[in-house]
Structures are given as structure tokens and as C-alpha cells.
Protein backbone atom coordinates (compact mmCIF):
# COMPACT_ATOMS: atom_id res chain seq x y z
CA MET A 1 -34.56 44.15 14.75
CA SER A 2 -31.69 45.78 15.83
CA ALA A 3 -28.75 44.51 17.14
CA ASP A 4 -29.43 45.51 20.89
CA ASP A 5 -33.06 43.54 20.43
CA ALA A 6 -31.12 40.44 20.31
CA LEU A 7 -29.95 41.04 24.30
CA ASP A 8 -32.29 41.00 27.24
CA PRO A 9 -32.97 44.80 27.90
CA ASP A 10 -32.98 43.63 31.86
CA ARG A 11 -29.43 41.41 31.34
CA LEU A 12 -27.85 41.58 34.85
CA LEU A 13 -30.81 43.35 36.72
CA PRO A 14 -32.33 41.34 39.73
CA ALA A 15 -35.10 39.21 39.19
CA GLU A 16 -37.62 40.55 41.81
CA ASP A 17 -39.86 42.48 39.83
CA ARG A 18 -40.22 45.63 42.20
CA THR A 19 -36.10 45.37 42.74
CA ARG A 20 -35.97 45.16 38.79
CA GLY A 21 -37.87 48.06 37.99
CA ILE A 22 -36.07 50.27 40.34
CA ALA A 23 -32.94 48.87 39.16
CA ARG A 24 -34.14 49.58 35.33
CA GLU A 25 -34.92 53.40 36.61
CA LEU A 26 -31.22 53.89 37.63
CA TYR A 27 -29.69 51.73 34.93
CA ALA A 28 -31.50 54.53 32.89
CA LEU A 29 -29.70 57.34 34.52
CA VAL A 30 -26.10 55.65 33.42
CA ALA A 31 -26.76 53.91 30.46
CA ASP A 32 -25.58 56.58 28.08
CA ALA A 33 -22.93 58.38 30.50
CA PRO A 34 -19.52 59.10 29.31
CA ILE A 35 -17.01 56.59 29.89
CA VAL A 36 -14.51 57.44 32.09
CA SER A 37 -11.53 54.66 31.46
CA PRO A 38 -8.50 55.86 33.63
CA HIS A 39 -6.44 52.54 33.36
CA GLY A 40 -6.19 49.78 30.26
CA HIS A 41 -3.96 48.81 28.02
CA VAL A 42 -5.32 50.12 24.61
CA ASP A 43 -2.37 50.82 22.08
CA PRO A 44 -2.65 54.48 21.65
CA ARG A 45 -1.34 53.92 18.22
CA LEU A 46 -4.72 51.77 16.90
CA LEU A 47 -6.63 55.38 17.27
CA LEU A 48 -3.46 57.25 15.78
CA ASP A 49 -3.58 55.02 13.05
CA ASP A 50 -7.16 54.42 12.73
CA ARG A 51 -7.02 51.35 10.49
CA PRO A 52 -10.28 49.00 10.07
CA TYR A 53 -9.98 45.95 11.78
CA ALA A 54 -8.54 43.13 9.51
CA ASP A 55 -11.24 39.82 10.60
CA PRO A 56 -13.14 38.93 13.63
CA ALA A 57 -10.55 36.23 15.03
CA GLY A 58 -7.71 39.06 14.86
CA LEU A 59 -10.38 41.06 16.90
CA LEU A 60 -12.20 38.94 19.43
CA VAL A 61 -9.80 35.93 19.96
CA SER A 62 -6.30 35.97 19.12
CA SER A 63 -5.82 39.32 20.87
CA ASP A 64 -7.21 38.82 23.93
CA HIS A 65 -5.90 36.35 26.78
CA TYR A 66 -9.30 36.16 28.20
CA VAL A 67 -10.28 34.20 25.34
CA THR A 68 -7.28 32.31 24.06
CA ARG A 69 -6.68 30.70 28.25
CA LEU A 70 -10.12 29.67 27.82
CA LEU A 71 -9.59 28.01 24.56
CA HIS A 72 -5.95 26.49 25.79
CA ALA A 73 -8.00 24.76 28.79
CA ALA A 74 -10.10 23.44 26.39
CA GLY A 75 -7.47 21.78 24.88
CA VAL A 76 -6.56 24.01 22.00
CA PRO A 77 -2.92 24.46 21.22
CA LEU A 78 -1.76 27.99 21.72
CA ASP A 79 -0.39 27.86 18.38
CA ASP A 80 -3.47 27.01 16.82
CA LEU A 81 -4.78 30.95 18.10
CA LEU A 82 -1.44 33.34 18.32
CA GLY A 83 1.14 34.08 15.92
CA SER A 84 1.34 32.67 12.39
CA ALA A 85 -2.57 30.88 13.18
CA ARG A 86 -4.90 31.26 9.87
CA PRO A 87 -7.75 33.95 10.85
CA ARG A 88 -10.28 32.06 9.55
CA GLU A 89 -9.33 28.73 10.99
CA VAL A 90 -9.15 30.36 14.47
CA TRP A 91 -12.81 31.53 13.82
CA ARG A 92 -13.91 28.21 13.22
CA VAL A 93 -12.17 27.01 16.00
CA PHE A 94 -13.89 29.79 18.52
CA CYS A 95 -17.26 28.93 17.49
CA ASP A 96 -16.61 25.36 17.84
CA HIS A 97 -15.99 26.45 21.43
CA TRP A 98 -18.44 29.12 21.93
CA HIS A 99 -20.33 26.87 24.56
CA TRP A 100 -17.45 27.00 26.59
CA PHE A 101 -17.97 30.66 27.11
CA HIS A 102 -21.17 30.31 28.82
CA GLY A 103 -21.90 31.81 32.62
CA THR A 104 -18.04 33.21 31.64
CA ALA A 105 -17.52 37.29 32.04
CA SER A 106 -15.73 36.90 28.86
CA GLY A 107 -18.64 35.65 27.06
CA PHE A 108 -20.63 38.06 28.45
CA TRP A 109 -18.64 40.94 26.97
CA LEU A 110 -18.36 38.72 23.67
CA ARG A 111 -22.01 38.05 23.32
CA GLU A 112 -22.70 42.18 24.22
CA THR A 113 -20.00 43.42 21.54
CA LEU A 114 -21.29 40.61 19.27
CA ALA A 115 -24.97 41.85 19.12
CA ALA A 116 -24.53 45.64 20.27
CA VAL A 117 -21.66 46.31 18.08
CA LEU A 118 -21.41 43.62 15.28
CA GLY A 119 -24.77 43.05 14.65
CA VAL A 120 -24.41 39.19 15.36
CA ARG A 121 -27.59 38.05 16.69
CA ALA A 122 -26.95 34.55 17.61
CA ALA A 123 -24.27 32.18 18.70
CA PRO A 124 -21.44 32.97 16.13
CA THR A 125 -20.56 30.23 13.18
CA PRO A 126 -18.02 29.74 10.75
CA ASP A 127 -20.22 31.02 7.80
CA LEU A 128 -20.26 34.66 9.45
CA PHE A 129 -16.17 35.20 9.07
CA ASP A 130 -16.87 36.86 5.21
CA GLY A 131 -19.56 39.01 6.54
CA LEU A 132 -17.60 40.27 9.54
CA VAL A 133 -14.64 40.87 7.48
CA GLU A 134 -16.73 43.14 5.41
CA ALA A 135 -18.78 44.78 7.90
CA LEU A 136 -15.39 45.79 9.92
CA ALA A 137 -14.54 47.68 7.11
CA GLN A 138 -17.38 49.93 7.70
CA PRO A 139 -16.19 53.50 8.84
CA ARG A 140 -18.65 53.03 11.78
CA LEU A 141 -16.81 50.27 13.02
CA ARG A 142 -13.18 51.84 12.95
CA PRO A 143 -11.36 52.81 16.22
CA ARG A 144 -12.07 56.63 16.00
CA ALA A 145 -15.68 56.19 14.89
CA LEU A 146 -16.18 53.34 18.27
CA PHE A 147 -14.32 55.88 20.67
CA GLU A 148 -17.17 58.67 19.82
CA SER A 149 -19.73 55.97 19.65
CA PHE A 150 -19.02 54.54 22.67
CA ALA A 151 -18.92 57.99 24.70
CA ILE A 152 -15.49 57.64 26.12
CA GLU A 153 -14.47 60.94 28.03
CA VAL A 154 -10.89 59.91 28.62
CA LEU A 155 -8.65 56.92 28.28
CA ALA A 156 -5.59 55.91 30.09
CA THR A 157 -3.40 53.73 28.27
CA THR A 158 -0.03 52.31 30.00
CA ASP A 159 3.26 52.93 28.88
CA ASP A 160 7.08 52.35 28.87
CA PRO A 161 8.75 55.00 31.37
CA LEU A 162 10.90 55.18 27.98
CA ASP A 163 8.58 55.77 25.84
CA ASP A 164 8.88 59.18 24.39
CA LEU A 165 5.07 59.33 23.89
CA GLY A 166 5.08 60.81 20.11
CA VAL A 167 2.20 58.60 19.60
CA HIS A 168 0.75 60.61 22.02
CA ASP A 169 1.71 63.73 21.10
CA ALA A 170 0.07 62.93 17.65
CA LEU A 171 -2.90 61.99 18.65
CA ARG A 172 -3.24 64.91 20.60
CA ASP A 173 -2.39 67.25 17.94
CA ASP A 174 -4.51 65.72 15.29
CA PRO A 175 -7.29 67.89 14.25
CA ALA A 176 -9.69 65.33 13.03
CA PHE A 177 -9.57 63.62 16.40
CA GLY A 178 -11.22 65.28 19.85
CA GLY A 179 -10.74 62.70 22.32
CA ARG A 180 -8.77 62.87 25.41
CA VAL A 181 -6.35 59.87 25.51
CA ILE A 182 -3.55 60.18 28.42
CA PRO A 183 -0.64 57.99 29.01
CA THR A 184 0.03 56.22 32.44
CA PHE A 185 3.45 55.64 33.89
CA ARG A 186 4.27 51.67 34.20
CA PRO A 187 7.73 51.49 35.60
CA ASP A 188 7.54 47.54 36.69
CA ALA A 189 10.43 46.30 34.71
CA TYR A 190 12.53 49.46 36.25
CA LEU A 191 12.00 48.82 39.46
CA ASP A 192 12.49 44.77 39.78
CA PRO A 193 16.14 43.95 39.59
CA ALA A 194 15.38 40.50 38.95
CA ALA A 195 13.18 41.44 36.01
CA PRO A 196 14.96 40.14 32.31
CA GLY A 197 17.08 43.06 30.90
CA TRP A 198 16.71 45.35 34.11
CA SER A 199 20.37 46.28 34.00
CA ASP A 200 20.11 47.40 30.21
CA ARG A 201 17.00 49.81 31.29
CA ILE A 202 18.83 51.12 34.04
CA GLU A 203 21.98 51.71 31.55
CA ARG A 204 19.25 53.46 29.10
CA LEU A 205 18.01 55.60 32.45
CA GLY A 206 21.43 57.03 32.38
CA ALA A 207 21.66 55.74 35.97
CA SER A 208 24.98 55.21 37.72
CA ASP A 209 24.21 55.42 41.28
CA HIS A 210 21.19 55.26 43.54
CA ALA A 211 20.73 58.81 43.44
CA GLY A 212 20.93 59.23 39.79
CA TYR A 213 18.47 56.57 39.39
CA LEU A 214 15.55 57.75 41.60
CA ASP A 215 16.43 61.12 39.81
CA ALA A 216 16.11 59.64 36.48
CA LEU A 217 12.72 58.07 37.42
CA ARG A 218 11.76 61.40 38.76
CA ALA A 219 12.38 62.83 35.29
CA ARG A 220 10.53 60.35 33.40
CA ARG A 221 7.43 61.04 35.74
CA ALA A 222 7.91 64.65 34.79
CA HIS A 223 7.89 64.01 31.13
CA PHE A 224 4.95 61.97 31.49
CA ILE A 225 3.09 64.24 33.73
CA GLU A 226 4.11 66.77 30.68
CA HIS A 227 2.07 64.71 28.06
CA GLY A 228 -0.76 64.62 30.48
CA ALA A 229 -0.53 61.22 32.57
CA VAL A 230 -2.77 61.40 35.71
CA SER A 231 -1.25 58.24 37.34
CA ALA A 232 1.46 55.54 37.72
CA ASP A 233 0.52 51.81 37.90
CA HIS A 234 2.25 49.60 39.63
CA GLY A 235 1.82 45.69 39.27
CA VAL A 236 3.48 43.80 42.04
CA GLU A 237 3.05 40.06 43.28
CA HIS A 238 2.82 41.32 46.68
CA ALA A 239 2.38 44.67 47.79
CA VAL A 240 5.36 45.17 50.66
CA THR A 241 7.27 48.08 51.47
CA VAL A 242 10.05 49.18 53.47
CA GLU A 243 12.01 52.43 53.99
CA LEU A 244 15.74 52.03 53.31
CA ASP A 245 18.69 54.35 54.59
CA PRO A 246 20.45 55.98 51.47
CA GLY A 247 23.33 53.88 52.25
CA THR A 248 21.98 50.43 52.23
CA ALA A 249 19.54 51.13 48.86
CA GLN A 250 23.00 52.27 47.00
CA SER A 251 24.61 48.96 48.34
CA LEU A 252 21.74 46.99 46.91
CA PHE A 253 21.82 49.00 43.70
CA GLU A 254 25.42 48.32 43.18
CA ARG A 255 24.80 44.72 43.88
CA ALA A 256 21.73 44.57 41.71
CA ARG A 257 23.71 46.47 38.60
CA ALA A 258 26.41 43.45 39.01
CA GLY A 259 23.48 40.65 39.01
CA ARG A 260 24.61 39.52 42.83
CA LEU A 261 21.31 40.17 44.61
CA ASP A 262 19.69 37.15 45.80
CA ALA A 263 15.95 36.43 46.24
CA ALA A 264 15.60 38.00 49.58
CA GLU A 265 17.47 41.29 48.61
CA ALA A 266 16.08 41.81 45.27
CA ALA A 267 12.56 41.39 47.29
CA LEU A 268 13.81 44.00 49.89
CA PHE A 269 15.03 46.02 46.60
CA ARG A 270 11.16 45.72 45.18
CA ALA A 271 9.98 47.06 48.71
CA HIS A 272 12.27 50.17 49.25
CA MET A 273 11.38 51.31 45.33
CA LEU A 274 7.59 50.48 46.10
CA PHE A 275 8.19 52.98 49.04
CA GLU A 276 10.28 55.44 46.70
CA SER A 277 7.49 55.63 44.52
CA ALA A 278 4.87 56.67 46.86
CA ARG A 279 7.43 59.64 47.86
CA MET A 280 7.53 60.58 44.24
CA SER A 281 3.75 60.55 43.94
CA VAL A 282 3.33 62.44 46.74
CA ASP A 283 6.03 65.09 45.36
CA ASP A 284 4.52 65.31 41.61
CA GLY A 285 1.00 64.59 42.73
CA LEU A 286 0.31 61.58 39.99
CA VAL A 287 -2.30 59.09 41.78
CA MET A 288 -0.27 55.64 42.55
CA THR A 289 -2.14 52.70 41.67
CA VAL A 290 -1.43 49.17 42.74
CA HIS A 291 -2.60 46.29 41.09
CA ALA A 292 -1.40 43.17 43.76
CA GLY A 293 -1.61 39.48 44.08
CA VAL A 294 -0.75 37.94 40.42
CA GLN A 295 1.97 35.45 39.87
CA ARG A 296 2.97 36.47 36.50
CA ASN A 297 3.92 33.68 33.43
CA HIS A 298 2.88 30.73 36.05
CA HIS A 299 4.07 28.87 32.96
CA ARG A 300 7.45 29.01 31.65
CA GLN A 301 7.20 27.13 28.30
CA THR A 302 4.42 29.30 27.12
CA LEU A 303 6.39 32.87 28.30
CA ALA A 304 9.14 31.24 26.41
CA HIS A 305 7.45 30.49 22.90
CA PHE A 306 4.79 33.17 23.38
CA GLY A 307 5.86 35.92 25.55
CA PRO A 308 4.05 37.74 28.66
CA ASP A 309 0.27 38.58 28.55
CA THR A 310 -0.60 35.38 27.00
CA GLY A 311 -3.02 33.81 29.35
CA HIS A 312 -1.21 32.28 32.40
CA ASP A 313 -1.04 34.94 35.03
CA ILE A 314 -2.36 33.07 38.02
CA PRO A 315 -3.77 35.13 41.55
CA VAL A 316 -2.40 34.38 44.63
CA ALA A 317 -3.06 35.28 48.30
CA THR A 318 -2.22 38.72 48.84
CA SER A 319 -2.35 41.35 52.31
CA PHE A 320 -1.86 45.21 52.24
CA THR A 321 -2.57 45.75 55.89
CA GLU A 322 1.39 45.30 57.44
CA ASN A 323 2.82 45.37 53.88
CA LEU A 324 2.10 49.06 53.36
CA ARG A 325 2.33 50.07 57.02
CA PRO A 326 5.75 51.39 56.66
CA LEU A 327 4.31 53.48 53.39
CA LEU A 328 0.97 54.49 55.27
CA GLU A 329 2.65 55.64 58.57
CA ARG A 330 4.64 58.03 55.96
CA PHE A 331 2.32 59.05 53.55
CA GLY A 332 -1.14 58.00 54.21
CA THR A 333 -2.44 61.30 55.35
CA ALA A 334 -0.21 63.48 52.75
CA LYS A 335 -2.33 66.40 51.34
CA ASP A 336 -3.13 64.89 47.68
CA PHE A 337 -1.79 61.92 47.86
CA HIS A 338 -3.96 59.05 46.22
CA LEU A 339 -3.48 55.81 46.46
CA VAL A 340 -5.68 53.31 44.79
CA LEU A 341 -5.19 49.55 45.84
CA PHE A 342 -6.74 46.69 43.59
CA ALA A 343 -6.73 42.80 44.45
CA ILE A 344 -7.74 39.60 42.82
CA ASP A 345 -7.99 38.12 46.34
CA GLU A 346 -11.54 38.69 47.51
CA SER A 347 -10.73 37.90 51.10
CA VAL A 348 -8.91 41.30 51.73
CA TRP A 349 -11.56 43.29 50.53
CA SER A 350 -13.81 43.51 53.68
CA ARG A 351 -10.22 42.45 56.09
CA GLU A 352 -7.96 45.21 54.65
CA LEU A 353 -8.89 47.34 52.04
CA ALA A 354 -12.19 48.76 53.23
CA PRO A 355 -11.17 49.30 56.87
CA LEU A 356 -7.66 51.10 55.38
CA ALA A 357 -9.83 53.35 52.88
CA GLY A 358 -12.29 54.05 55.89
CA PHE A 359 -9.55 55.57 57.85
CA TYR A 360 -6.50 56.93 55.58
CA PRO A 361 -7.64 59.81 53.20
CA SER A 362 -5.24 58.47 50.45
CA VAL A 363 -6.88 55.12 50.34
CA PHE A 364 -9.01 54.20 47.69
CA ILE A 365 -10.28 50.83 46.72
CA GLY A 366 -9.61 49.54 43.64
CA ALA A 367 -12.47 48.21 41.66
CA PRO A 368 -12.79 44.30 41.00
CA TRP A 369 -10.52 43.78 38.38
CA TRP A 370 -9.13 40.57 35.88
CA PHE A 371 -10.74 37.85 37.18
CA LEU A 372 -13.10 39.64 39.25
CA ASP A 373 -14.31 41.84 36.80
CA ALA A 374 -17.19 39.86 36.09
CA PRO A 375 -21.28 40.11 37.57
CA ASP A 376 -21.03 38.10 40.54
CA SER A 377 -17.72 39.31 41.91
CA ILE A 378 -18.69 42.82 41.31
CA ALA A 379 -21.84 42.52 43.44
CA ARG A 380 -19.73 40.42 46.20
CA PHE A 381 -17.26 43.48 46.04
CA ARG A 382 -20.05 45.89 46.75
CA SER A 383 -21.35 43.87 49.79
CA ALA A 384 -17.95 43.42 51.09
CA THR A 385 -16.58 47.08 51.11
CA THR A 386 -19.94 49.35 50.84
CA GLU A 387 -21.19 48.98 54.56
CA THR A 388 -17.44 49.65 55.97
CA ALA A 389 -16.31 52.56 53.27
CA GLY A 390 -19.24 53.65 51.71
CA PHE A 391 -19.50 54.25 48.05
CA TYR A 392 -17.45 57.35 47.82
CA ARG A 393 -13.81 55.33 48.67
CA GLY A 394 -13.45 53.57 45.71
CA SER A 395 -12.01 54.22 42.46
CA GLY A 396 -15.00 54.05 40.02
CA PHE A 397 -15.26 51.12 37.45
CA ILE A 398 -12.06 50.49 35.37
CA ASP A 399 -11.80 47.83 32.23
CA ASP A 400 -8.07 47.28 32.35
CA THR A 401 -8.45 45.88 28.72
CA ARG A 402 -6.55 45.65 25.64
CA ALA A 403 -9.79 44.82 23.38
CA PHE A 404 -10.83 47.83 22.40
CA MET A 405 -14.06 46.85 20.91
CA SER A 406 -15.36 45.40 24.57
CA VAL A 407 -14.71 48.69 26.54
CA ALA A 408 -18.53 49.49 26.46
CA ALA A 409 -19.72 46.31 27.47
CA ARG A 410 -17.33 46.08 30.28
CA HIS A 411 -18.59 49.26 31.59
CA ALA A 412 -22.21 48.11 30.77
CA VAL A 413 -21.83 45.19 33.08
CA SER A 414 -20.09 47.46 36.07
CA ARG A 415 -23.08 49.81 35.51
CA ARG A 416 -25.83 47.10 35.44
CA VAL A 417 -24.73 45.31 38.24
CA ASP A 418 -24.18 48.54 40.49
CA SER A 419 -27.98 49.37 39.50
CA GLY A 420 -29.10 45.72 40.81
CA PHE A 421 -26.88 46.41 44.19
CA LEU A 422 -28.27 49.95 44.90
CA ALA A 423 -32.06 48.87 43.86
CA ARG A 424 -31.75 46.26 46.48
CA GLN A 425 -30.83 49.13 48.89
CA VAL A 426 -33.58 50.75 48.35
CA VAL A 427 -35.71 47.98 48.47
CA GLU A 428 -34.61 47.00 51.76
CA GLY A 429 -35.15 50.63 52.93
CA ARG A 430 -31.62 51.52 53.48
CA MET A 431 -31.42 54.14 50.92
CA THR A 432 -34.22 56.09 49.41
CA VAL A 433 -34.42 56.23 45.65
CA ALA A 434 -33.03 60.08 45.77
CA GLU A 435 -30.17 58.75 47.25
CA ALA A 436 -29.36 55.98 45.29
CA SER A 437 -29.85 57.73 42.06
CA ARG A 438 -26.92 60.33 43.00
CA VAL A 439 -24.85 57.21 43.83
CA ALA A 440 -25.50 55.41 40.40
CA ILE A 441 -24.38 58.63 38.42
CA ASP A 442 -21.29 59.56 40.45
CA LEU A 443 -20.32 55.97 40.06
CA VAL A 444 -19.57 56.51 36.39
CA GLY A 445 -18.69 60.03 36.96
CA ALA A 446 -17.58 61.92 40.01
CA ILE A 447 -15.81 59.04 41.48
CA PRO A 448 -13.61 57.96 39.32
CA ARG A 449 -12.91 61.46 38.17
CA ARG A 450 -11.98 62.21 42.09
CA ALA A 451 -9.89 59.19 42.75
CA PHE A 452 -7.92 59.59 39.63
CA LYS A 453 -7.66 63.41 39.58
CA LEU A 454 -9.49 63.89 35.87
């Protein structure tokens, strides 16, 4: 029995027989299609070094905050999972809490990865640890081999604006690696004067005034474009934009450098810089993606002890229509400007994002992201946005992950759920099989390639 035999071949497909049959046919069209991953957080050095994964605990547990956050909620101290934690003990704790992941999106990805990639055909147990260590040493499970077996066409990373991108250069120039891995410009820590270390970063940019600050950012964007970048990503709590006159912007910049901005002034500066970032994207062609609606580092003690991205970022309500109006009135119809809007607040899908994308040629609806990257949420997303904006105003799926081994599993979730949604459209007489087939294929290929200028 192969590892795949441990998984229901119809997983996530509709239960009703006729609809399921059509969904099977549609999924078969895309099951083995190349993966286009235009937004994620895989470290490119993983592919450059191509070292074997050391153990299943570091691979599947400690490095994935989707996993550690739920274990923490179950009462497991993060000290037992991160940092100097012992891998064998981490694996035992994970196995003991396997039932906590039943019904969750992360549980589905874990089950898929364990079975289809690692050959674990039942619930994980502590006594599998040594066997998995041995399996991970096999050449077929090294990062480059997985890149090929997953059929990844393009993989975008997320990178600091001052990164020299030397790892990307080395990977591109390596004759033993033929994949396409591209950087993404992520300037959040350089645009938010309230971010720790902001003044030091501006010093490293070499900016002495606001005009020089903008020029320095443009220069770094050009550096990224020279190295293959197609997008700039902005992670903001609220997607607010405002256009300031140069004098006001310079005054705020000076106060920010001196550490004298109050909270309202810092918010104004952030809004101004989101607007200016759109102007830069209009000028240089980088796709502008905005991931909005998350309060980062909700638990201060965890941040102080373990740092960011350790599972305590929490969604908040967000809005786009009025907040982005200054940006869209200025740039919303600009030629070749692409603005991809991602939200964790489901209420904006039908109320704001679909109508905005249904008018502005620049606006694309970002796929369900983070907490909403889950089967039922993806289905709700399709219902909420398709009737207003159709399929072709979307971004295509993004996996948004640091957990490289789960990339294929995450894309499979999206493809299966979309196949089910399209099958229901066919059964209800809303689309023909031929029409649904074209959409299914385009959702994993033409649509993300167009949105991200690939």
C-alpha cells in the first residue's frame, strides 16, 4: 500500500454522488498541475544548502506556529517546544496531542504531509521518531528533491529590503538547481516609525530627509526587481492611506527620526507611506499586495521571550473601502498597477473586496489567508466573492507558509475545495462542465500568473 492509499481519495470533495463525480473529474485536471506559489515565507537558504531535515519535530512542530500555538493552547509551555527543546520530547508531546488537531486546517495539512510525503499511514506515535529521522536522510526528502516532486513552477520568498539577495543569486547561478525562486520586497519595518529599530534601519538606508528616504526605498525596490522580484508585500493592521504634501511628510519624518511622534502621528505616517508605496508600484511595476487585519504579537511576554511569529498574532476587524479611497482615486485605474488585497475578516469579502475588484482594474481579491486558509473558509470565500467579481478577479491560491514540506498539501486543499465548488455550479446549471474545466485549470495557472505578473 502506498502512502497515498492511507488518505481518502475523495477527501474534501462533496458528499452527494453526482456532484462528487464531477468534482473528481475537475480535480483530475489540476491535481498534478505545476504549483505557482507567489507569496510565502520559505527561507531560500533551505534550497541553496539542500541539507536533509534533521528530525520530524523540527520539521513539523517547532518550526510551524500553526502547530505550536494550538499545543500552547492545550497547556504545553512554549519552552517545551521552541529553542533548546529536545526534539524527541517535542515529538512525543505532539503525538500525545494529535487529537487536538482533528478538524483543523493544520491537522489536514499534517495528515496529508505525513501520509503522502513521509509514508506515515496512521496517527503519529512516539516510536516513529527514529524511523522518521532515518527517512528524512534519504535524498528524495531533501529540499531540492521535494521542490521537483511537488512540481513547483515558481516559489516567492519574503525578504528584508536591505537583503543583498546573495542567496538568491547563488541559487539562480547553481547549475544543479533549475527551479525558479524569486524574492519579495517586504518593507513593513521600514515604513512604520513605531516599529522597534526603525531609526536604525533608516540610518542604514542612508536617508537624511524624507525625499532621500523615498529615493532609498525606490533604489532597494529596483535592486529586488533586478533579482527577479515581481511583488512588494505589506502586512498592516489597518490598510489606511493618505496623501500628504511634501512639507508635512518631511516634518513627520523629522519627528519620527527624533522619536517624538505620538500614536496618531505614527498612524498618519504609516498611511502616507502605504500611499507612497502604491505610487512606487505604479512607477516600477511591482505588484502591491496588502495583508491587512492582524494585530501582531498580542502577548507581550511571549514576544519578549520567543520573538515574533510564534503564534500569538490575532485577527482584528478591518475595512478597505474608505481607507483605500485616496489610493484608489489616485492610482486605481493606472495602467498595469496591480493591488492584491488580503483579509482575515470574512465580512469584507462580499461587502468590500468583491465590489472593489468588480470595478477597479487594479484590484485583485487575495485568496483566503492564514486563519482562513482552511477548507470551509475557502468554500465561503468562493460563495462570497464569485457572484460579484467572478473567478478572474482573484489572486489564485497562496500558501503563505514557512513549512516547505506542506506546500503541496496546502495547494491540494485549495484545488479540491475549488473543484467541489465548481462541481456544484455545474449540477445547479450555473456552468457547463467545459466552462468549469477551464476555470479549474485557470485557477491554478493563468489567474495567479496574471495577478502577480508571472
